[in-house]
Amino acid sequence: MLLLISPLVINAGIAFADDSDRTFHDRVADTVIVPTRRGISLDLRLKQAWQEVKYYLRKRQ
């Protein structure tokens, strides 16, 4: 169990210790963190899709 959790702990530890919040795999891939005010657009799309599903289910009843 410890073997499975250790990569996650190491990755999160590096992100918490770094000023730019980059994890180990971000450093290896040389990616850049881009902050946004709006949040993750995928969350907004999922929220909208869920609202449409609820609307169609209510309409169907």
N, C-alpha and C. Protein backbone atom coordinates (compact mmCIF):
# COMPACT_ATOMS: atom_id res chain seq x y z
N MET A 1 0.82 -1.19 0.00
CA MET A 1 0.00 0.00 0.00
C MET A 1 0.87 1.26 0.00
N LEU A 2 1.91 1.22 0.79
CA LEU A 2 2.82 2.37 0.86
C LEU A 2 3.48 2.61 -0.49
N LEU A 3 3.76 1.54 -1.20
CA LEU A 3 4.39 1.66 -2.53
C LEU A 3 3.45 2.35 -3.52
N LEU A 4 2.15 2.14 -3.38
CA LEU A 4 1.19 2.76 -4.28
C LEU A 4 0.97 4.24 -3.97
N ILE A 5 1.06 4.61 -2.73
CA ILE A 5 0.78 5.98 -2.32
C ILE A 5 2.01 6.88 -2.42
N SER A 6 3.20 6.32 -2.34
CA SER A 6 4.42 7.13 -2.30
C SER A 6 4.59 8.06 -3.51
N PRO A 7 4.32 7.65 -4.76
CA PRO A 7 4.45 8.61 -5.86
C PRO A 7 3.52 9.80 -5.73
N LEU A 8 2.31 9.58 -5.25
CA LEU A 8 1.36 10.67 -5.05
C LEU A 8 1.86 11.63 -3.99
N VAL A 9 2.38 11.10 -2.91
CA VAL A 9 2.88 11.94 -1.82
C VAL A 9 4.09 12.74 -2.29
N ILE A 10 4.98 12.12 -3.03
CA ILE A 10 6.17 12.82 -3.54
C ILE A 10 5.76 13.92 -4.51
N ASN A 11 4.85 13.61 -5.42
CA ASN A 11 4.39 14.58 -6.41
C ASN A 11 3.70 15.77 -5.73
N ALA A 12 2.84 15.50 -4.77
CA ALA A 12 2.15 16.58 -4.06
C ALA A 12 3.12 17.37 -3.19
N GLY A 13 4.09 16.69 -2.59
CA GLY A 13 5.09 17.37 -1.77
C GLY A 13 5.92 18.35 -2.58
N ILE A 14 6.27 17.97 -3.78
CA ILE A 14 7.03 18.87 -4.66
C ILE A 14 6.18 20.07 -5.04
N ALA A 15 4.91 19.86 -5.29
CA ALA A 15 4.02 20.97 -5.66
C ALA A 15 3.84 21.94 -4.49
N PHE A 16 3.72 21.42 -3.28
CA PHE A 16 3.56 22.30 -2.11
C PHE A 16 4.84 23.06 -1.80
N ALA A 17 5.98 22.45 -2.06
CA ALA A 17 7.26 23.09 -1.74
C ALA A 17 7.67 24.12 -2.79
N ASP A 18 7.15 24.00 -4.00
CA ASP A 18 7.54 24.89 -5.09
C ASP A 18 6.71 26.17 -5.07
N ASP A 19 7.33 27.29 -5.38
CA ASP A 19 6.61 28.56 -5.42
C ASP A 19 5.64 28.65 -6.59
N SER A 20 5.94 27.98 -7.69
CA SER A 20 5.08 28.07 -8.86
C SER A 20 4.04 26.95 -8.92
N ASP A 21 3.93 26.13 -7.87
CA ASP A 21 2.95 25.04 -7.77
C ASP A 21 3.10 24.00 -8.88
N ARG A 22 4.30 23.82 -9.38
CA ARG A 22 4.52 22.81 -10.40
C ARG A 22 4.87 21.48 -9.74
N THR A 23 4.23 20.41 -10.20
CA THR A 23 4.51 19.08 -9.68
C THR A 23 5.71 18.48 -10.41
N PHE A 24 6.09 17.27 -10.00
CA PHE A 24 7.24 16.62 -10.61
C PHE A 24 7.03 16.40 -12.10
N HIS A 25 5.84 15.90 -12.47
CA HIS A 25 5.60 15.63 -13.89
C HIS A 25 5.50 16.93 -14.69
N ASP A 26 5.08 18.04 -14.06
CA ASP A 26 5.10 19.33 -14.74
C ASP A 26 6.53 19.78 -15.02
N ARG A 27 7.40 19.53 -14.08
CA ARG A 27 8.81 19.90 -14.26
C ARG A 27 9.45 19.06 -15.37
N VAL A 28 9.16 17.77 -15.38
CA VAL A 28 9.75 16.88 -16.39
C VAL A 28 9.26 17.27 -17.78
N ALA A 29 7.97 17.55 -17.91
CA ALA A 29 7.39 17.90 -19.21
C ALA A 29 7.58 19.38 -19.54
N ASP A 30 8.10 20.16 -18.60
CA ASP A 30 8.34 21.59 -18.76
C ASP A 30 7.04 22.32 -19.12
N THR A 31 5.95 21.97 -18.42
CA THR A 31 4.68 22.65 -18.63
C THR A 31 4.60 23.89 -17.75
N VAL A 32 3.67 24.76 -18.08
CA VAL A 32 3.49 26.01 -17.36
C VAL A 32 2.07 26.04 -16.81
N ILE A 33 1.93 26.45 -15.56
CA ILE A 33 0.62 26.58 -14.94
C ILE A 33 0.06 27.96 -15.32
N VAL A 34 -1.15 27.97 -15.88
CA VAL A 34 -1.77 29.23 -16.30
C VAL A 34 -3.00 29.45 -15.42
N PRO A 35 -2.93 30.41 -14.49
CA PRO A 35 -4.09 30.66 -13.63
C PRO A 35 -5.20 31.39 -14.38
N THR A 36 -6.43 31.08 -14.04
CA THR A 36 -7.58 31.76 -14.64
C THR A 36 -8.52 32.21 -13.52
N ARG A 37 -9.29 33.22 -13.80
CA ARG A 37 -10.27 33.69 -12.81
C ARG A 37 -11.54 32.84 -12.88
N ARG A 38 -11.84 32.32 -14.03
CA ARG A 38 -13.10 31.62 -14.27
C ARG A 38 -13.09 30.21 -13.74
N GLY A 39 -11.97 29.59 -13.64
CA GLY A 39 -11.92 28.20 -13.22
C GLY A 39 -11.71 27.31 -14.42
N ILE A 40 -11.93 26.06 -14.23
CA ILE A 40 -11.71 25.08 -15.30
C ILE A 40 -12.96 25.03 -16.17
N SER A 41 -12.79 25.23 -17.46
CA SER A 41 -13.95 25.26 -18.36
C SER A 41 -14.62 23.90 -18.45
N LEU A 42 -13.86 22.82 -18.21
CA LEU A 42 -14.47 21.49 -18.23
C LEU A 42 -15.53 21.38 -17.15
N ASP A 43 -15.28 21.96 -15.98
CA ASP A 43 -16.27 21.95 -14.91
C ASP A 43 -17.54 22.66 -15.34
N LEU A 44 -17.39 23.77 -16.03
CA LEU A 44 -18.56 24.50 -16.49
C LEU A 44 -19.34 23.72 -17.53
N ARG A 45 -18.64 23.03 -18.41
CA ARG A 45 -19.32 22.21 -19.42
C ARG A 45 -20.05 21.03 -18.79
N LEU A 46 -19.42 20.40 -17.80
CA LEU A 46 -20.07 19.29 -17.12
C LEU A 46 -21.30 19.76 -16.35
N LYS A 47 -21.19 20.92 -15.73
CA LYS A 47 -22.33 21.49 -15.01
C LYS A 47 -23.49 21.77 -15.96
N GLN A 48 -23.18 22.33 -17.11
CA GLN A 48 -24.22 22.62 -18.10
C GLN A 48 -24.84 21.33 -18.63
N ALA A 49 -24.03 20.33 -18.90
CA ALA A 49 -24.54 19.05 -19.39
C ALA A 49 -25.45 18.40 -18.35
N TRP A 50 -25.04 18.46 -17.08
CA TRP A 50 -25.85 17.88 -16.02
C TRP A 50 -27.19 18.61 -15.89
N GLN A 51 -27.20 19.92 -16.04
CA GLN A 51 -28.44 20.69 -15.99
C GLN A 51 -29.36 20.32 -17.15
N GLU A 52 -28.80 20.07 -18.32
CA GLU A 52 -29.61 19.66 -19.47
C GLU A 52 -30.21 18.29 -19.24
N VAL A 53 -29.44 17.38 -18.68
CA VAL A 53 -29.96 16.03 -18.39
C VAL A 53 -31.11 16.12 -17.39
N LYS A 54 -30.94 16.90 -16.33
CA LYS A 54 -32.01 17.07 -15.35
C LYS A 54 -33.24 17.69 -15.98
N TYR A 55 -33.06 18.66 -16.87
CA TYR A 55 -34.19 19.31 -17.54
C TYR A 55 -34.97 18.30 -18.38
N TYR A 56 -34.25 17.49 -19.16
CA TYR A 56 -34.92 16.52 -20.02
C TYR A 56 -35.60 15.42 -19.20
N LEU A 57 -35.01 15.05 -18.07
CA LEU A 57 -35.65 14.04 -17.23
C LEU A 57 -36.92 14.58 -16.60
N ARG A 58 -36.91 15.83 -16.17
CA ARG A 58 -38.12 16.45 -15.60
C ARG A 58 -39.19 16.62 -16.67
N LYS A 59 -38.78 16.99 -17.84
CA LYS A 59 -39.70 17.21 -18.95
C LYS A 59 -40.36 15.89 -19.38
N ARG A 60 -39.62 14.81 -19.25
CA ARG A 60 -40.10 13.50 -19.68
C ARG A 60 -41.16 12.97 -18.74
N GLN A 61 -41.12 13.35 -17.48
CA GLN A 61 -42.07 12.81 -16.48
C GLN A 61 -43.42 13.40 -16.62
